[in-house]
Amino acid sequence: MSEHEPVPTDTRSRRGFRDRLTFLLFRTAGRLKLGVASAYLAAASLIGFEALVGLLSFTSIWPASVPFVIGALAVVYFLRERIRAPWRRRSRD
């Protein structure tokens, strides 16, 4: 190599890493959004949309509680069959 030739830099590998990282972050954010949307829909179908509106109106009073309440309602919604099963067994006996 003569002293006038530019030194090759490997910008392709850095760019590829940045592209893969950006893709991974956007895909993760998209999945989180879908998870949050499903939690809100689960809570709304469990308590009703009117009750959910009433619950969300309390965000100005205690905004930190809303994610926990919605999360708890979503967990109850997704586990409702397991919660109902013991009562069904007791009613059969």
N, C-alpha and C. Protein backbone atom coordinates (compact mmCIF):
# COMPACT_ATOMS: atom_id res chain seq x y z
N MET A 1 0.84 -1.18 0.00
CA MET A 1 0.00 0.00 0.00
C MET A 1 0.87 1.23 0.00
N SER A 2 0.53 2.14 -0.84
CA SER A 2 1.27 3.39 -0.82
C SER A 2 0.65 4.30 0.21
N GLU A 3 1.32 5.36 0.52
CA GLU A 3 0.82 6.26 1.56
C GLU A 3 -0.36 7.11 1.10
N HIS A 4 -0.69 7.14 -0.20
CA HIS A 4 -1.79 7.94 -0.70
C HIS A 4 -3.12 7.17 -0.77
N GLU A 5 -3.07 5.87 -0.62
CA GLU A 5 -4.30 5.11 -0.68
C GLU A 5 -5.01 5.19 0.68
N PRO A 6 -6.33 5.36 0.64
CA PRO A 6 -7.05 5.44 1.92
C PRO A 6 -7.07 4.08 2.61
N VAL A 7 -7.05 4.13 3.91
CA VAL A 7 -7.12 2.90 4.70
C VAL A 7 -8.56 2.41 4.70
N PRO A 8 -8.79 1.19 4.30
CA PRO A 8 -10.17 0.70 4.25
C PRO A 8 -10.73 0.55 5.67
N THR A 9 -11.90 1.08 5.85
CA THR A 9 -12.58 0.91 7.13
C THR A 9 -13.75 -0.03 6.94
N ASP A 10 -14.04 -0.76 7.94
CA ASP A 10 -15.10 -1.75 7.84
C ASP A 10 -16.41 -1.14 8.35
N THR A 11 -16.95 -0.19 7.61
CA THR A 11 -18.21 0.45 8.01
C THR A 11 -19.40 -0.44 7.72
N ARG A 12 -19.23 -1.40 6.84
CA ARG A 12 -20.33 -2.29 6.51
C ARG A 12 -20.76 -3.13 7.69
N SER A 13 -19.79 -3.63 8.44
CA SER A 13 -20.16 -4.48 9.58
C SER A 13 -20.79 -3.64 10.68
N ARG A 14 -20.31 -2.41 10.88
CA ARG A 14 -20.93 -1.54 11.89
C ARG A 14 -22.35 -1.18 11.48
N ARG A 15 -22.53 -0.92 10.21
CA ARG A 15 -23.86 -0.56 9.72
C ARG A 15 -24.81 -1.75 9.82
N GLY A 16 -24.33 -2.92 9.51
CA GLY A 16 -25.16 -4.12 9.62
C GLY A 16 -25.57 -4.37 11.06
N PHE A 17 -24.65 -4.17 11.99
CA PHE A 17 -24.98 -4.34 13.41
C PHE A 17 -26.02 -3.32 13.84
N ARG A 18 -25.85 -2.09 13.40
CA ARG A 18 -26.81 -1.03 13.76
C ARG A 18 -28.18 -1.32 13.17
N ASP A 19 -28.22 -1.82 11.93
CA ASP A 19 -29.50 -2.17 11.30
C ASP A 19 -30.18 -3.31 12.03
N ARG A 20 -29.41 -4.33 12.41
CA ARG A 20 -30.00 -5.46 13.14
C ARG A 20 -30.50 -5.02 14.51
N LEU A 21 -29.74 -4.16 15.19
CA LEU A 21 -30.16 -3.67 16.50
C LEU A 21 -31.42 -2.82 16.39
N THR A 22 -31.48 -1.96 15.38
CA THR A 22 -32.67 -1.14 15.17
C THR A 22 -33.88 -2.00 14.88
N PHE A 23 -33.71 -3.01 14.04
CA PHE A 23 -34.81 -3.92 13.72
C PHE A 23 -35.29 -4.65 14.98
N LEU A 24 -34.35 -5.11 15.79
CA LEU A 24 -34.70 -5.82 17.02
C LEU A 24 -35.46 -4.91 17.99
N LEU A 25 -35.03 -3.67 18.11
CA LEU A 25 -35.71 -2.73 19.01
C LEU A 25 -37.11 -2.40 18.53
N PHE A 26 -37.28 -2.20 17.23
CA PHE A 26 -38.60 -1.90 16.70
C PHE A 26 -39.53 -3.11 16.82
N ARG A 27 -39.01 -4.30 16.59
CA ARG A 27 -39.83 -5.51 16.72
C ARG A 27 -40.24 -5.72 18.18
N THR A 28 -39.32 -5.48 19.11
CA THR A 28 -39.64 -5.62 20.53
C THR A 28 -40.68 -4.59 20.95
N ALA A 29 -40.53 -3.37 20.49
CA ALA A 29 -41.51 -2.33 20.82
C ALA A 29 -42.89 -2.68 20.25
N GLY A 30 -42.93 -3.22 19.07
CA GLY A 30 -44.20 -3.63 18.47
C GLY A 30 -44.87 -4.74 19.27
N ARG A 31 -44.10 -5.69 19.74
CA ARG A 31 -44.67 -6.77 20.54
C ARG A 31 -45.15 -6.26 21.89
N LEU A 32 -44.43 -5.32 22.47
CA LEU A 32 -44.88 -4.73 23.73
C LEU A 32 -46.19 -3.98 23.55
N LYS A 33 -46.31 -3.27 22.44
CA LYS A 33 -47.57 -2.56 22.17
C LYS A 33 -48.73 -3.53 22.04
N LEU A 34 -48.50 -4.66 21.36
CA LEU A 34 -49.56 -5.65 21.23
C LEU A 34 -49.91 -6.26 22.59
N GLY A 35 -48.91 -6.46 23.44
CA GLY A 35 -49.17 -6.98 24.77
C GLY A 35 -49.99 -6.03 25.61
N VAL A 36 -49.66 -4.75 25.53
CA VAL A 36 -50.41 -3.74 26.29
C VAL A 36 -51.84 -3.65 25.77
N ALA A 37 -51.99 -3.68 24.46
CA ALA A 37 -53.34 -3.61 23.88
C ALA A 37 -54.16 -4.82 24.29
N SER A 38 -53.55 -6.00 24.32
CA SER A 38 -54.31 -7.18 24.73
C SER A 38 -54.66 -7.13 26.20
N ALA A 39 -53.80 -6.52 27.03
CA ALA A 39 -54.13 -6.38 28.45
C ALA A 39 -55.31 -5.44 28.64
N TYR A 40 -55.34 -4.33 27.91
CA TYR A 40 -56.48 -3.41 28.01
C TYR A 40 -57.76 -4.06 27.51
N LEU A 41 -57.68 -4.81 26.42
CA LEU A 41 -58.87 -5.48 25.90
C LEU A 41 -59.35 -6.57 26.85
N ALA A 42 -58.42 -7.28 27.47
CA ALA A 42 -58.81 -8.31 28.43
C ALA A 42 -59.49 -7.69 29.64
N ALA A 43 -58.93 -6.60 30.14
CA ALA A 43 -59.55 -5.93 31.28
C ALA A 43 -60.92 -5.37 30.90
N ALA A 44 -61.04 -4.83 29.72
CA ALA A 44 -62.31 -4.26 29.28
C ALA A 44 -63.36 -5.34 29.10
N SER A 45 -62.99 -6.49 28.59
CA SER A 45 -63.98 -7.54 28.42
C SER A 45 -64.35 -8.19 29.74
N LEU A 46 -63.49 -8.10 30.73
CA LEU A 46 -63.80 -8.67 32.04
C LEU A 46 -64.75 -7.77 32.82
N ILE A 47 -64.47 -6.48 32.85
CA ILE A 47 -65.29 -5.57 33.66
C ILE A 47 -66.24 -4.73 32.83
N GLY A 48 -66.11 -4.75 31.53
CA GLY A 48 -66.97 -3.95 30.66
C GLY A 48 -66.29 -2.65 30.28
N PHE A 49 -66.60 -2.18 29.10
CA PHE A 49 -65.94 -0.97 28.61
C PHE A 49 -66.35 0.27 29.40
N GLU A 50 -67.60 0.31 29.88
CA GLU A 50 -68.03 1.47 30.67
C GLU A 50 -67.29 1.53 31.99
N ALA A 51 -67.08 0.37 32.61
CA ALA A 51 -66.32 0.33 33.86
C ALA A 51 -64.85 0.67 33.62
N LEU A 52 -64.33 0.26 32.47
CA LEU A 52 -62.95 0.60 32.14
C LEU A 52 -62.79 2.10 31.96
N VAL A 53 -63.76 2.73 31.34
CA VAL A 53 -63.72 4.19 31.19
C VAL A 53 -63.75 4.84 32.56
N GLY A 54 -64.59 4.32 33.45
CA GLY A 54 -64.62 4.85 34.81
C GLY A 54 -63.31 4.64 35.54
N LEU A 55 -62.69 3.49 35.33
CA LEU A 55 -61.39 3.22 35.95
C LEU A 55 -60.32 4.15 35.41
N LEU A 56 -60.32 4.36 34.11
CA LEU A 56 -59.31 5.23 33.52
C LEU A 56 -59.55 6.70 33.85
N SER A 57 -60.75 7.05 34.28
CA SER A 57 -60.98 8.44 34.68
C SER A 57 -60.29 8.76 36.00
N PHE A 58 -59.89 7.73 36.75
CA PHE A 58 -59.16 7.95 37.99
C PHE A 58 -57.67 8.19 37.77
N THR A 59 -57.22 8.27 36.53
CA THR A 59 -55.80 8.47 36.28
C THR A 59 -55.31 9.82 36.78
N SER A 60 -56.19 10.79 36.88
CA SER A 60 -55.75 12.08 37.41
C SER A 60 -55.61 12.04 38.93
N ILE A 61 -56.30 11.12 39.59
CA ILE A 61 -56.20 11.02 41.05
C ILE A 61 -54.98 10.19 41.45
N TRP A 62 -54.84 9.02 40.87
CA TRP A 62 -53.74 8.13 41.23
C TRP A 62 -53.21 7.44 39.98
N PRO A 63 -52.41 8.15 39.17
CA PRO A 63 -52.01 7.60 37.87
C PRO A 63 -51.09 6.38 37.96
N ALA A 64 -50.37 6.22 39.06
CA ALA A 64 -49.44 5.10 39.15
C ALA A 64 -50.17 3.77 39.34
N SER A 65 -51.42 3.81 39.77
CA SER A 65 -52.13 2.55 40.02
C SER A 65 -52.74 1.93 38.78
N VAL A 66 -52.97 2.72 37.76
CA VAL A 66 -53.69 2.23 36.59
C VAL A 66 -52.99 1.04 35.92
N PRO A 67 -51.68 1.07 35.66
CA PRO A 67 -51.06 -0.11 35.03
C PRO A 67 -51.18 -1.37 35.89
N PHE A 68 -51.09 -1.22 37.20
CA PHE A 68 -51.19 -2.38 38.07
C PHE A 68 -52.61 -2.95 38.09
N VAL A 69 -53.59 -2.06 38.11
CA VAL A 69 -54.99 -2.51 38.11
C VAL A 69 -55.32 -3.18 36.78
N ILE A 70 -54.92 -2.57 35.68
CA ILE A 70 -55.17 -3.16 34.36
C ILE A 70 -54.44 -4.49 34.24
N GLY A 71 -53.21 -4.55 34.71
CA GLY A 71 -52.46 -5.81 34.67
C GLY A 71 -53.11 -6.90 35.49
N ALA A 72 -53.59 -6.54 36.69
CA ALA A 72 -54.27 -7.54 37.53
C ALA A 72 -55.55 -8.03 36.87
N LEU A 73 -56.32 -7.13 36.29
CA LEU A 73 -57.54 -7.53 35.60
C LEU A 73 -57.24 -8.41 34.39
N ALA A 74 -56.16 -8.10 33.68
CA ALA A 74 -55.78 -8.91 32.52
C ALA A 74 -55.36 -10.32 32.95
N VAL A 75 -54.62 -10.41 34.05
CA VAL A 75 -54.22 -11.73 34.56
C VAL A 75 -55.45 -12.53 34.97
N VAL A 76 -56.38 -11.88 35.66
CA VAL A 76 -57.62 -12.58 36.04
C VAL A 76 -58.38 -13.03 34.80
N TYR A 77 -58.43 -12.20 33.79
CA TYR A 77 -59.14 -12.57 32.56
C TYR A 77 -58.50 -13.79 31.90
N PHE A 78 -57.17 -13.78 31.79
CA PHE A 78 -56.51 -14.88 31.12
C PHE A 78 -56.52 -16.17 31.95
N LEU A 79 -56.65 -16.06 33.25
CA LEU A 79 -56.67 -17.24 34.11
C LEU A 79 -58.08 -17.60 34.59
N ARG A 80 -59.09 -17.02 34.03
CA ARG A 80 -60.44 -17.20 34.54
C ARG A 80 -60.93 -18.64 34.45
N GLU A 81 -60.50 -19.38 33.46
CA GLU A 81 -60.90 -20.78 33.36
C GLU A 81 -60.29 -21.60 34.48
N ARG A 82 -59.07 -21.31 34.83
CA ARG A 82 -58.44 -22.02 35.95
C ARG A 82 -59.06 -21.62 37.28
N ILE A 83 -59.54 -20.41 37.34
CA ILE A 83 -60.19 -19.95 38.56
C ILE A 83 -61.58 -20.57 38.69
N ARG A 84 -62.29 -20.72 37.58
CA ARG A 84 -63.65 -21.28 37.61
C ARG A 84 -63.67 -22.79 37.80
N ALA A 85 -62.61 -23.47 37.44
CA ALA A 85 -62.59 -24.93 37.48
C ALA A 85 -62.88 -25.50 38.87
N PRO A 86 -62.30 -25.00 39.96
CA PRO A 86 -62.62 -25.57 41.27
C PRO A 86 -64.10 -25.42 41.64
N TRP A 87 -64.73 -24.32 41.28
CA TRP A 87 -66.14 -24.14 41.58
C TRP A 87 -67.00 -25.10 40.77
N ARG A 88 -66.60 -25.35 39.55
CA ARG A 88 -67.35 -26.30 38.73
C ARG A 88 -67.26 -27.71 39.31
N ARG A 89 -66.08 -28.08 39.80
CA ARG A 89 -65.92 -29.41 40.39
C ARG A 89 -66.73 -29.53 41.67
N ARG A 90 -66.78 -28.48 42.46
CA ARG A 90 -67.55 -28.52 43.71
C ARG A 90 -69.04 -28.58 43.42
N SER A 91 -69.49 -27.92 42.38
CA SER A 91 -70.92 -27.95 42.09
C SER A 91 -71.37 -29.30 41.55
N ARG A 92 -70.47 -30.04 40.91
CA ARG A 92 -70.80 -31.37 40.40
C ARG A 92 -70.91 -32.39 41.53
N ASP A 93 -70.10 -32.19 42.56
CA ASP A 93 -70.09 -33.17 43.67
C ASP A 93 -71.27 -33.05 44.57
